[in-house]
Amino acid sequence: EGVNSSKVSKLKCDPQAIVDLFNQTLPGLPQVAMLTKDRRAKIKARWDESEVHQDLEFWADFFALVSASTFLMGAESGRDGAKPFRATFDWLIKPSNFVKVVEGNYNA
């Protein structure tokens, strides 16, 4: 019968699907054109950190959180006349930044 009947099959990370989700959800941020080896590794690392992350719906919610943040979307003026900060895909998938976004640090 089922080969995986006793083991819970772990969802496979699909970095391209996550990048596509980012590009679709956040057209106002710099779009990801190339899925580099480094990006694949970081996406997979975030995916493997928690079972919660192993679901494209989690990523859709994550990017929705980003889109709801005026700071991350570059809608707040920068300090001392500097250009506003705008999150990039690479910034979002860095471990420390990822946790901050997930924990709602940028959503007032």
PDB file of N, CA and C in Angstrom:
ATOM      1  N   GLU A   1       0.826  -1.196   0.000  1.00  0.00           N
ATOM      2  CA  GLU A   1       0.000   0.000   0.000  1.00  0.00           C
ATOM      3  C   GLU A   1       0.869   1.259   0.000  1.00  0.00           C
ATOM      4  N   GLY A   2       0.506   2.240   0.824  1.00  0.00           N
ATOM      5  CA  GLY A   2       1.222   3.517   0.822  1.00  0.00           C
ATOM      6  C   GLY A   2       2.626   3.389   1.348  1.00  0.00           C
ATOM      7  N   VAL A   3       3.578   3.856   0.599  1.00  0.00           N
ATOM      8  CA  VAL A   3       4.970   3.804   1.012  1.00  0.00           C
ATOM      9  C   VAL A   3       5.199   4.704   2.228  1.00  0.00           C
ATOM     10  N   ASN A   4       4.529   5.852   2.255  1.00  0.00           N
ATOM     11  CA  ASN A   4       4.730   6.818   3.337  1.00  0.00           C
ATOM     12  C   ASN A   4       3.697   6.698   4.445  1.00  0.00           C
ATOM     13  N   SER A   5       3.047   5.559   4.576  1.00  0.00           N
ATOM     14  CA  SER A   5       1.965   5.457   5.546  1.00  0.00           C
ATOM     15  C   SER A   5       2.428   5.678   6.981  1.00  0.00           C
ATOM     16  N   SER A   6       3.627   5.200   7.339  1.00  0.00           N
ATOM     17  CA  SER A   6       4.080   5.373   8.717  1.00  0.00           C
ATOM     18  C   SER A   6       4.812   6.698   8.915  1.00  0.00           C
ATOM     19  N   LYS A   7       5.479   7.172   7.878  1.00  0.00           N
ATOM     20  CA  LYS A   7       6.225   8.426   7.995  1.00  0.00           C
ATOM     21  C   LYS A   7       5.391   9.577   7.451  1.00  0.00           C
ATOM     22  N   VAL A   8       5.457  10.698   8.130  1.00  0.00           N
ATOM     23  CA  VAL A   8       4.799  11.894   7.616  1.00  0.00           C
ATOM     24  C   VAL A   8       5.711  12.440   6.527  1.00  0.00           C
ATOM     25  N   SER A   9       5.201  12.549   5.338  1.00  0.00           N
ATOM     26  CA  SER A   9       6.059  13.028   4.258  1.00  0.00           C
ATOM     27  C   SER A   9       6.279  14.528   4.432  1.00  0.00           C
ATOM     28  N   LYS A  10       7.542  14.902   4.403  1.00  0.00           N
ATOM     29  CA  LYS A  10       7.908  16.305   4.570  1.00  0.00           C
ATOM     30  C   LYS A  10       7.704  16.993   3.229  1.00  0.00           C
ATOM     31  N   LEU A  11       7.033  18.109   3.258  1.00  0.00           N
ATOM     32  CA  LEU A  11       6.829  18.853   2.032  1.00  0.00           C
ATOM     33  C   LEU A  11       8.166  19.328   1.496  1.00  0.00           C
ATOM     34  N   LYS A  12       8.322  19.220   0.195  1.00  0.00           N
ATOM     35  CA  LYS A  12       9.570  19.651  -0.415  1.00  0.00           C
ATOM     36  C   LYS A  12       9.523  21.153  -0.657  1.00  0.00           C
ATOM     37  N   CYS A  13      10.613  21.791  -0.324  1.00  0.00           N
ATOM     38  CA  CYS A  13      10.718  23.230  -0.527  1.00  0.00           C
ATOM     39  C   CYS A  13      10.828  23.531  -2.022  1.00  0.00           C
ATOM     40  N   ASP A  14      10.028  24.464  -2.493  1.00  0.00           N
ATOM     41  CA  ASP A  14      10.091  24.884  -3.887  1.00  0.00           C
ATOM     42  C   ASP A  14      10.466  26.367  -3.932  1.00  0.00           C
ATOM     43  N   PRO A  15      11.787  26.654  -3.958  1.00  0.00           N
ATOM     44  CA  PRO A  15      12.232  28.042  -3.919  1.00  0.00           C
ATOM     45  C   PRO A  15      11.591  28.904  -5.015  1.00  0.00           C
ATOM     46  N   GLN A  16      11.415  28.346  -6.199  1.00  0.00           N
ATOM     47  CA  GLN A  16      10.846  29.133  -7.290  1.00  0.00           C
ATOM     48  C   GLN A  16       9.408  29.553  -6.969  1.00  0.00           C
ATOM     49  N   ALA A  17       8.656  28.666  -6.356  1.00  0.00           N
ATOM     50  CA  ALA A  17       7.265  29.002  -6.000  1.00  0.00           C
ATOM     51  C   ALA A  17       7.245  30.145  -4.989  1.00  0.00           C
ATOM     52  N   ILE A  18       8.208  30.139  -4.066  1.00  0.00           N
ATOM     53  CA  ILE A  18       8.285  31.184  -3.046  1.00  0.00           C
ATOM     54  C   ILE A  18       8.688  32.516  -3.681  1.00  0.00           C
ATOM     55  N   VAL A  19       9.636  32.471  -4.611  1.00  0.00           N
ATOM     56  CA  VAL A  19      10.039  33.679  -5.333  1.00  0.00           C
ATOM     57  C   VAL A  19       8.860  34.221  -6.150  1.00  0.00           C
ATOM     58  N   ASP A  20       8.132  33.340  -6.819  1.00  0.00           N
ATOM     59  CA  ASP A  20       6.970  33.763  -7.620  1.00  0.00           C
ATOM     60  C   ASP A  20       5.937  34.447  -6.733  1.00  0.00           C
ATOM     61  N   LEU A  21       5.733  33.871  -5.545  1.00  0.00           N
ATOM     62  CA  LEU A  21       4.787  34.427  -4.581  1.00  0.00           C
ATOM     63  C   LEU A  21       5.225  35.836  -4.158  1.00  0.00           C
ATOM     64  N   PHE A  22       6.517  35.983  -3.902  1.00  0.00           N
ATOM     65  CA  PHE A  22       7.076  37.286  -3.540  1.00  0.00           C
ATOM     66  C   PHE A  22       6.815  38.297  -4.657  1.00  0.00           C
ATOM     67  N   ASN A  23       7.167  37.923  -5.885  1.00  0.00           N
ATOM     68  CA  ASN A  23       7.017  38.837  -7.021  1.00  0.00           C
ATOM     69  C   ASN A  23       5.556  39.218  -7.259  1.00  0.00           C
ATOM     70  N   GLN A  24       4.639  38.260  -7.059  1.00  0.00           N
ATOM     71  CA  GLN A  24       3.214  38.537  -7.268  1.00  0.00           C
ATOM     72  C   GLN A  24       2.635  39.382  -6.133  1.00  0.00           C
ATOM     73  N   THR A  25       3.013  39.051  -4.907  1.00  0.00           N
ATOM     74  CA  THR A  25       2.435  39.717  -3.740  1.00  0.00           C
ATOM     75  C   THR A  25       3.004  41.112  -3.526  1.00  0.00           C
ATOM     76  N   LEU A  26       4.270  41.302  -3.877  1.00  0.00           N
ATOM     77  CA  LEU A  26       4.964  42.551  -3.570  1.00  0.00           C
ATOM     78  C   LEU A  26       5.544  43.225  -4.821  1.00  0.00           C
ATOM     79  N   PRO A  27       4.672  43.586  -5.768  1.00  0.00           N
ATOM     80  CA  PRO A  27       5.186  44.221  -6.994  1.00  0.00           C
ATOM     81  C   PRO A  27       5.841  45.569  -6.733  1.00  0.00           C
ATOM     82  N   GLY A  28       5.559  46.166  -5.558  1.00  0.00           N
ATOM     83  CA  GLY A  28       6.148  47.448  -5.214  1.00  0.00           C
ATOM     84  C   GLY A  28       7.582  47.356  -4.722  1.00  0.00           C
ATOM     85  N   LEU A  29       8.060  46.144  -4.488  1.00  0.00           N
ATOM     86  CA  LEU A  29       9.447  45.957  -4.043  1.00  0.00           C
ATOM     87  C   LEU A  29      10.279  45.465  -5.216  1.00  0.00           C
ATOM     88  N   PRO A  30      11.609  45.618  -5.116  1.00  0.00           N
ATOM     89  CA  PRO A  30      12.472  45.133  -6.208  1.00  0.00           C
ATOM     90  C   PRO A  30      12.194  43.650  -6.470  1.00  0.00           C
ATOM     91  N   GLN A  31      11.891  43.334  -7.724  1.00  0.00           N
ATOM     92  CA  GLN A  31      11.507  41.974  -8.079  1.00  0.00           C
ATOM     93  C   GLN A  31      12.722  41.055  -8.185  1.00  0.00           C
ATOM     94  N   VAL A  32      12.502  39.788  -7.891  1.00  0.00           N
ATOM     95  CA  VAL A  32      13.566  38.795  -7.974  1.00  0.00           C
ATOM     96  C   VAL A  32      13.602  38.282  -9.408  1.00  0.00           C
ATOM     97  N   ALA A  33      14.734  38.472 -10.070  1.00  0.00           N
ATOM     98  CA  ALA A  33      14.870  38.015 -11.448  1.00  0.00           C
ATOM     99  C   ALA A  33      15.642  36.701 -11.522  1.00  0.00           C
ATOM    100  N   MET A  34      16.578  36.521 -10.595  1.00  0.00           N
ATOM    101  CA  MET A  34      17.402  35.313 -10.627  1.00  0.00           C
ATOM    102  C   MET A  34      17.338  34.562  -9.311  1.00  0.00           C
ATOM    103  N   LEU A  35      17.112  33.264  -9.411  1.00  0.00           N
ATOM    104  CA  LEU A  35      17.113  32.417  -8.224  1.00  0.00           C
ATOM    105  C   LEU A  35      18.521  31.834  -8.106  1.00  0.00           C
ATOM    106  N   THR A  36      19.363  32.540  -7.356  1.00  0.00           N
ATOM    107  CA  THR A  36      20.761  32.135  -7.226  1.00  0.00           C
ATOM    108  C   THR A  36      20.906  30.983  -6.225  1.00  0.00           C
ATOM    109  N   LYS A  37      22.086  30.396  -6.236  1.00  0.00           N
ATOM    110  CA  LYS A  37      22.384  29.310  -5.309  1.00  0.00           C
ATOM    111  C   LYS A  37      22.238  29.795  -3.860  1.00  0.00           C
ATOM    112  N   ASP A  38      22.725  31.006  -3.595  1.00  0.00           N
ATOM    113  CA  ASP A  38      22.655  31.590  -2.262  1.00  0.00           C
ATOM    114  C   ASP A  38      21.195  31.779  -1.835  1.00  0.00           C
ATOM    115  N   ARG A  39      20.377  32.288  -2.727  1.00  0.00           N
ATOM    116  CA  ARG A  39      18.960  32.486  -2.406  1.00  0.00           C
ATOM    117  C   ARG A  39      18.272  31.154  -2.153  1.00  0.00           C
ATOM    118  N   ARG A  40      18.560  30.165  -2.991  1.00  0.00           N
ATOM    119  CA  ARG A  40      17.967  28.832  -2.788  1.00  0.00           C
ATOM    120  C   ARG A  40      18.303  28.295  -1.401  1.00  0.00           C
ATOM    121  N   ALA A  41      19.568  28.447  -1.014  1.00  0.00           N
ATOM    122  CA  ALA A  41      20.037  27.938   0.284  1.00  0.00           C
ATOM    123  C   ALA A  41      19.321  28.650   1.432  1.00  0.00           C
ATOM    124  N   LYS A  42      19.179  29.981   1.333  1.00  0.00           N
ATOM    125  CA  LYS A  42      18.515  30.737   2.402  1.00  0.00           C
ATOM    126  C   LYS A  42      17.029  30.394   2.496  1.00  0.00           C
ATOM    127  N   ILE A  43      16.380  30.267   1.340  1.00  0.00           N
ATOM    128  CA  ILE A  43      14.951  29.907   1.344  1.00  0.00           C
ATOM    129  C   ILE A  43      14.784  28.544   2.002  1.00  0.00           C
ATOM    130  N   LYS A  44      15.635  27.600   1.611  1.00  0.00           N
ATOM    131  CA  LYS A  44      15.530  26.250   2.155  1.00  0.00           C
ATOM    132  C   LYS A  44      15.797  26.251   3.666  1.00  0.00           C
ATOM    133  N   ALA A  45      16.750  27.071   4.097  1.00  0.00           N
ATOM    134  CA  ALA A  45      17.051  27.155   5.528  1.00  0.00           C
ATOM    135  C   ALA A  45      15.842  27.672   6.305  1.00  0.00           C
ATOM    136  N   ARG A  46      15.181  28.713   5.797  1.00  0.00           N
ATOM    137  CA  ARG A  46      13.980  29.240   6.476  1.00  0.00           C
ATOM    138  C   ARG A  46      12.880  28.165   6.470  1.00  0.00           C
ATOM    139  N   TRP A  47      12.735  27.476   5.364  1.00  0.00           N
ATOM    140  CA  TRP A  47      11.721  26.422   5.201  1.00  0.00           C
ATOM    141  C   TRP A  47      11.938  25.325   6.244  1.00  0.00           C
ATOM    142  N   ASP A  48      13.207  24.930   6.415  1.00  0.00           N
ATOM    143  CA  ASP A  48      13.532  23.810   7.310  1.00  0.00           C
ATOM    144  C   ASP A  48      13.505  24.182   8.792  1.00  0.00           C
ATOM    145  N   GLU A  49      13.483  25.478   9.110  1.00  0.00           N
ATOM    146  CA  GLU A  49      13.519  25.915  10.509  1.00  0.00           C
ATOM    147  C   GLU A  49      12.285  25.504  11.296  1.00  0.00           C
ATOM    148  N   SER A  50      11.157  25.406  10.624  1.00  0.00           N
ATOM    149  CA  SER A  50       9.914  25.128  11.336  1.00  0.00           C
ATOM    150  C   SER A  50       8.918  24.465  10.406  1.00  0.00           C
ATOM    151  N   GLU A  51       8.143  23.531  10.965  1.00  0.00           N
ATOM    152  CA  GLU A  51       7.105  22.895  10.155  1.00  0.00           C
ATOM    153  C   GLU A  51       6.112  23.925   9.651  1.00  0.00           C
ATOM    154  N   VAL A  52       5.910  24.969  10.432  1.00  0.00           N
ATOM    155  CA  VAL A  52       4.980  26.034  10.054  1.00  0.00           C
ATOM    156  C   VAL A  52       5.406  26.678   8.729  1.00  0.00           C
ATOM    157  N   HIS A  53       6.718  26.773   8.524  1.00  0.00           N
ATOM    158  CA  HIS A  53       7.248  27.423   7.316  1.00  0.00           C
ATOM    159  C   HIS A  53       7.121  26.538   6.077  1.00  0.00           C
ATOM    160  N   GLN A  54       6.805  25.256   6.282  1.00  0.00           N
ATOM    161  CA  GLN A  54       6.799  24.304   5.173  1.00  0.00           C
ATOM    162  C   GLN A  54       5.448  24.251   4.479  1.00  0.00           C
ATOM    163  N   ASP A  55       4.984  25.431   4.124  1.00  0.00           N
ATOM    164  CA  ASP A  55       3.662  25.558   3.534  1.00  0.00           C
ATOM    165  C   ASP A  55       3.634  26.878   2.769  1.00  0.00           C
ATOM    166  N   LEU A  56       3.229  26.836   1.512  1.00  0.00           N
ATOM    167  CA  LEU A  56       3.211  28.075   0.733  1.00  0.00           C
ATOM    168  C   LEU A  56       2.237  29.092   1.312  1.00  0.00           C
ATOM    169  N   GLU A  57       1.239  28.607   2.040  1.00  0.00           N
ATOM    170  CA  GLU A  57       0.295  29.541   2.657  1.00  0.00           C
ATOM    171  C   GLU A  57       0.993  30.387   3.729  1.00  0.00           C
ATOM    172  N   PHE A  58       1.937  29.776   4.446  1.00  0.00           N
ATOM    173  CA  PHE A  58       2.731  30.531   5.416  1.00  0.00           C
ATOM    174  C   PHE A  58       3.462  31.662   4.692  1.00  0.00           C
ATOM    175  N   TRP A  59       4.064  31.348   3.554  1.00  0.00           N
ATOM    176  CA  TRP A  59       4.836  32.342   2.804  1.00  0.00           C
ATOM    177  C   TRP A  59       3.915  33.430   2.254  1.00  0.00           C
ATOM    178  N   ALA A  60       2.722  33.054   1.828  1.00  0.00           N
ATOM    179  CA  ALA A  60       1.754  34.045   1.345  1.00  0.00           C
ATOM    180  C   ALA A  60       1.413  35.007   2.482  1.00  0.00           C
ATOM    181  N   ASP A  61       1.206  34.452   3.688  1.00  0.00           N
ATOM    182  CA  ASP A  61       0.912  35.282   4.869  1.00  0.00           C
ATOM    183  C   ASP A  61       2.118  36.157   5.228  1.00  0.00           C
ATOM    184  N   PHE A  62       3.302  35.575   5.123  1.00  0.00           N
ATOM    185  CA  PHE A  62       4.541  36.305   5.431  1.00  0.00           C
ATOM    186  C   PHE A  62       4.667  37.520   4.505  1.00  0.00           C
ATOM    187  N   PHE A  63       4.463  37.315   3.203  1.00  0.00           N
ATOM    188  CA  PHE A  63       4.576  38.418   2.251  1.00  0.00           C
ATOM    189  C   PHE A  63       3.435  39.420   2.426  1.00  0.00           C
ATOM    190  N   ALA A  64       2.278  38.944   2.874  1.00  0.00           N
ATOM    191  CA  ALA A  64       1.154  39.851   3.150  1.00  0.00           C
ATOM    192  C   ALA A  64       1.500  40.755   4.339  1.00  0.00           C
ATOM    193  N   LEU A  65       2.186  40.183   5.345  1.00  0.00           N
ATOM    194  CA  LEU A  65       2.661  40.970   6.493  1.00  0.00           C
ATOM    195  C   LEU A  65       3.591  42.078   6.015  1.00  0.00           C
ATOM    196  N   VAL A  66       4.489  41.708   5.103  1.00  0.00           N
ATOM    197  CA  VAL A  66       5.432  42.683   4.551  1.00  0.00           C
ATOM    198  C   VAL A  66       4.663  43.792   3.840  1.00  0.00           C
ATOM    199  N   SER A  67       3.670  43.406   3.024  1.00  0.00           N
ATOM    200  CA  SER A  67       2.934  44.402   2.239  1.00  0.00           C
ATOM    201  C   SER A  67       2.133  45.348   3.125  1.00  0.00           C
ATOM    202  N   ALA A  68       1.799  44.899   4.344  1.00  0.00           N
ATOM    203  CA  ALA A  68       1.028  45.723   5.277  1.00  0.00           C
ATOM    204  C   ALA A  68       1.908  46.694   6.065  1.00  0.00           C
ATOM    205  N   SER A  69       3.220  46.566   5.928  1.00  0.00           N
ATOM    206  CA  SER A  69       4.143  47.414   6.674  1.00  0.00           C
ATOM    207  C   SER A  69       4.595  48.595   5.819  1.00  0.00           C
ATOM    208  N   THR A  70       4.210  49.812   6.244  1.00  0.00           N
ATOM    209  CA  THR A  70       4.619  50.993   5.475  1.00  0.00           C
ATOM    210  C   THR A  70       6.142  51.125   5.454  1.00  0.00           C
ATOM    211  N   PHE A  71       6.776  50.709   6.556  1.00  0.00           N
ATOM    212  CA  PHE A  71       8.240  50.799   6.620  1.00  0.00           C
ATOM    213  C   PHE A  71       8.893  49.880   5.588  1.00  0.00           C
ATOM    214  N   LEU A  72       8.499  48.601   5.597  1.00  0.00           N
ATOM    215  CA  LEU A  72       9.124  47.635   4.694  1.00  0.00           C
ATOM    216  C   LEU A  72       8.830  47.943   3.229  1.00  0.00           C
ATOM    217  N   MET A  73       7.688  48.566   2.975  1.00  0.00           N
ATOM    218  CA  MET A  73       7.296  48.880   1.599  1.00  0.00           C
ATOM    219  C   MET A  73       7.894  50.200   1.105  1.00  0.00           C
ATOM    220  N   GLY A  74       8.661  50.886   1.976  1.00  0.00           N
ATOM    221  CA  GLY A  74       9.320  52.114   1.558  1.00  0.00           C
ATOM    222  C   GLY A  74       8.405  53.327   1.562  1.00  0.00           C
ATOM    223  N   ALA A  75       7.297  53.246   2.326  1.00  0.00           N
ATOM    224  CA  ALA A  75       6.333  54.350   2.349  1.00  0.00           C
ATOM    225  C   ALA A  75       6.601  55.355   3.475  1.00  0.00           C
ATOM    226  N   GLU A  76       7.626  55.107   4.277  1.00  0.00           N
ATOM    227  CA  GLU A  76       7.984  56.052   5.332  1.00  0.00           C
ATOM    228  C   GLU A  76       9.253  56.778   4.921  1.00  0.00           C
ATOM    229  N   SER A  77       9.340  58.058   5.255  1.00  0.00           N
ATOM    230  CA  SER A  77      10.532  58.794   4.849  1.00  0.00           C
ATOM    231  C   SER A  77      11.751  58.308   5.625  1.00  0.00           C
ATOM    232  N   GLY A  78      12.868  58.360   4.963  1.00  0.00           N
ATOM    233  CA  GLY A  78      14.114  57.905   5.569  1.00  0.00           C
ATOM    234  C   GLY A  78      14.593  58.889   6.624  1.00  0.00           C
ATOM    235  N   ARG A  79      15.538  58.474   7.437  1.00  0.00           N
ATOM    236  CA  ARG A  79      16.095  59.337   8.480  1.00  0.00           C
ATOM    237  C   ARG A  79      16.946  60.438   7.865  1.00  0.00           C
ATOM    238  N   ASP A  80      16.833  61.620   8.406  1.00  0.00           N
ATOM    239  CA  ASP A  80      17.665  62.769   8.004  1.00  0.00           C
ATOM    240  C   ASP A  80      17.698  62.962   6.488  1.00  0.00           C
ATOM    241  N   GLY A  81      16.534  62.860   5.865  1.00  0.00           N
ATOM    242  CA  GLY A  81      16.450  63.103   4.428  1.00  0.00           C
ATOM    243  C   GLY A  81      16.984  61.972   3.558  1.00  0.00           C
ATOM    244  N   ALA A  82      17.331  60.852   4.188  1.00  0.00           N
ATOM    245  CA  ALA A  82      17.807  59.705   3.403  1.00  0.00           C
ATOM    246  C   ALA A  82      16.624  59.091   2.647  1.00  0.00           C
ATOM    247  N   LYS A  83      16.948  58.297   1.648  1.00  0.00           N
ATOM    248  CA  LYS A  83      15.894  57.616   0.913  1.00  0.00           C
ATOM    249  C   LYS A  83      15.180  56.638   1.841  1.00  0.00           C
ATOM    250  N   PRO A  84      13.880  56.438   1.650  1.00  0.00           N
ATOM    251  CA  PRO A  84      13.160  55.476   2.489  1.00  0.00           C
ATOM    252  C   PRO A  84      13.743  54.072   2.331  1.00  0.00           C
ATOM    253  N   PHE A  85      13.706  53.329   3.424  1.00  0.00           N
ATOM    254  CA  PHE A  85      14.135  51.927   3.370  1.00  0.00           C
ATOM    255  C   PHE A  85      13.084  51.128   2.609  1.00  0.00           C
ATOM    256  N   ARG A  86      13.520  50.238   1.743  1.00  0.00           N
ATOM    257  CA  ARG A  86      12.606  49.307   1.081  1.00  0.00           C
ATOM    258  C   ARG A  86      13.173  47.911   1.231  1.00  0.00           C
ATOM    259  N   ALA A  87      12.369  46.996   1.728  1.00  0.00           N
ATOM    260  CA  ALA A  87      12.841  45.625   1.901  1.00  0.00           C
ATOM    261  C   ALA A  87      13.103  44.992   0.539  1.00  0.00           C
ATOM    262  N   THR A  88      14.110  44.141   0.495  1.00  0.00           N
ATOM    263  CA  THR A  88      14.365  43.341  -0.705  1.00  0.00           C
ATOM    264  C   THR A  88      14.142  41.886  -0.325  1.00  0.00           C
ATOM    265  N   PHE A  89      14.048  41.042  -1.324  1.00  0.00           N
ATOM    266  CA  PHE A  89      13.864  39.616  -1.058  1.00  0.00           C
ATOM    267  C   PHE A  89      15.007  39.088  -0.199  1.00  0.00           C
ATOM    268  N   ASP A  90      16.228  39.457  -0.555  1.00  0.00           N
ATOM    269  CA  ASP A  90      17.395  38.972   0.194  1.00  0.00           C
ATOM    270  C   ASP A  90      17.365  39.443   1.646  1.00  0.00           C
ATOM    271  N   TRP A  91      16.931  40.688   1.861  1.00  0.00           N
ATOM    272  CA  TRP A  91      16.824  41.212   3.219  1.00  0.00           C
ATOM    273  C   TRP A  91      15.792  40.406   4.010  1.00  0.00           C
ATOM    274  N   LEU A  92      14.672  40.088   3.368  1.00  0.00           N
ATOM    275  CA  LEU A  92      13.586  39.384   4.057  1.00  0.00           C
ATOM    276  C   LEU A  92      13.931  37.953   4.446  1.00  0.00           C
ATOM    277  N   ILE A  93      14.786  37.289   3.658  1.00  0.00           N
ATOM    278  CA  ILE A  93      15.082  35.883   3.960  1.00  0.00           C
ATOM    279  C   ILE A  93      16.327  35.704   4.822  1.00  0.00           C
ATOM    280  N   LYS A  94      16.962  36.822   5.226  1.00  0.00           N
ATOM    281  CA  LYS A  94      18.065  36.718   6.187  1.00  0.00           C
ATOM    282  C   LYS A  94      17.466  36.292   7.529  1.00  0.00           C
ATOM    283  N   PRO A  95      18.118  35.377   8.237  1.00  0.00           N
ATOM    284  CA  PRO A  95      17.538  34.827   9.467  1.00  0.00           C
ATOM    285  C   PRO A  95      16.999  35.855  10.450  1.00  0.00           C
ATOM    286  N   SER A  96      17.807  36.871  10.799  1.00  0.00           N
ATOM    287  CA  SER A  96      17.362  37.818  11.826  1.00  0.00           C
ATOM    288  C   SER A  96      16.179  38.657  11.340  1.00  0.00           C
ATOM    289  N   ASN A  97      16.216  39.084  10.090  1.00  0.00           N
ATOM    290  CA  ASN A  97      15.132  39.904   9.552  1.00  0.00           C
ATOM    291  C   ASN A  97      13.852  39.097   9.401  1.00  0.00           C
ATOM    292  N   PHE A  98      13.999  37.857   8.964  1.00  0.00           N
ATOM    293  CA  PHE A  98      12.859  36.955   8.781  1.00  0.00           C
ATOM    294  C   PHE A  98      12.080  36.826  10.094  1.00  0.00           C
ATOM    295  N   VAL A  99      12.817  36.592  11.184  1.00  0.00           N
ATOM    296  CA  VAL A  99      12.194  36.444  12.499  1.00  0.00           C
ATOM    297  C   VAL A  99      11.482  37.734  12.902  1.00  0.00           C
ATOM    298  N   LYS A 100      12.129  38.878  12.672  1.00  0.00           N
ATOM    299  CA  LYS A 100      11.519  40.154  13.035  1.00  0.00           C
ATOM    300  C   LYS A 100      10.197  40.366  12.298  1.00  0.00           C
ATOM    301  N   VAL A 101      10.164  40.038  11.014  1.00  0.00           N
ATOM    302  CA  VAL A 101       8.943  40.216  10.233  1.00  0.00           C
ATOM    303  C   VAL A 101       7.863  39.247  10.723  1.00  0.00           C
ATOM    304  N   VAL A 102       8.246  37.983  10.912  1.00  0.00           N
ATOM    305  CA  VAL A 102       7.291  36.974  11.387  1.00  0.00           C
ATOM    306  C   VAL A 102       6.699  37.378  12.729  1.00  0.00           C
ATOM    307  N   GLU A 103       7.510  37.964  13.593  1.00  0.00           N
ATOM    308  CA  GLU A 103       7.046  38.361  14.928  1.00  0.00           C
ATOM    309  C   GLU A 103       6.313  39.703  14.933  1.00  0.00           C
ATOM    310  N   GLY A 104       6.192  40.299  13.748  1.00  0.00           N
ATOM    311  CA  GLY A 104       5.382  41.526  13.635  1.00  0.00           C
ATOM    312  C   GLY A 104       6.078  42.799  14.053  1.00  0.00           C
ATOM    313  N   ASN A 105       7.409  42.787  14.117  1.00  0.00           N
ATOM    314  CA  ASN A 105       8.130  43.983  14.545  1.00  0.00           C
ATOM    315  C   ASN A 105       7.897  45.205  13.655  1.00  0.00           C
ATOM    316  N   TYR A 106       7.529  44.972  12.400  1.00  0.00           N
ATOM    317  CA  TYR A 106       7.379  46.095  11.475  1.00  0.00           C
ATOM    318  C   TYR A 106       5.924  46.455  11.234  1.00  0.00           C
ATOM    319  N   ASN A 107       5.041  45.833  11.977  1.00  0.00           N
ATOM    320  CA  ASN A 107       3.618  46.116  11.805  1.00  0.00           C
ATOM    321  C   ASN A 107       3.085  46.783  13.054  1.00  0.00           C
ATOM    322  N   ALA A 108       2.793  48.073  12.933  1.00  0.00           N
ATOM    323  CA  ALA A 108       2.313  48.846  14.091  1.00  0.00           C
ATOM    324  C   ALA A 108       0.890  48.458  14.428  1.00  0.00           C
TER     325      ALA A 108
END
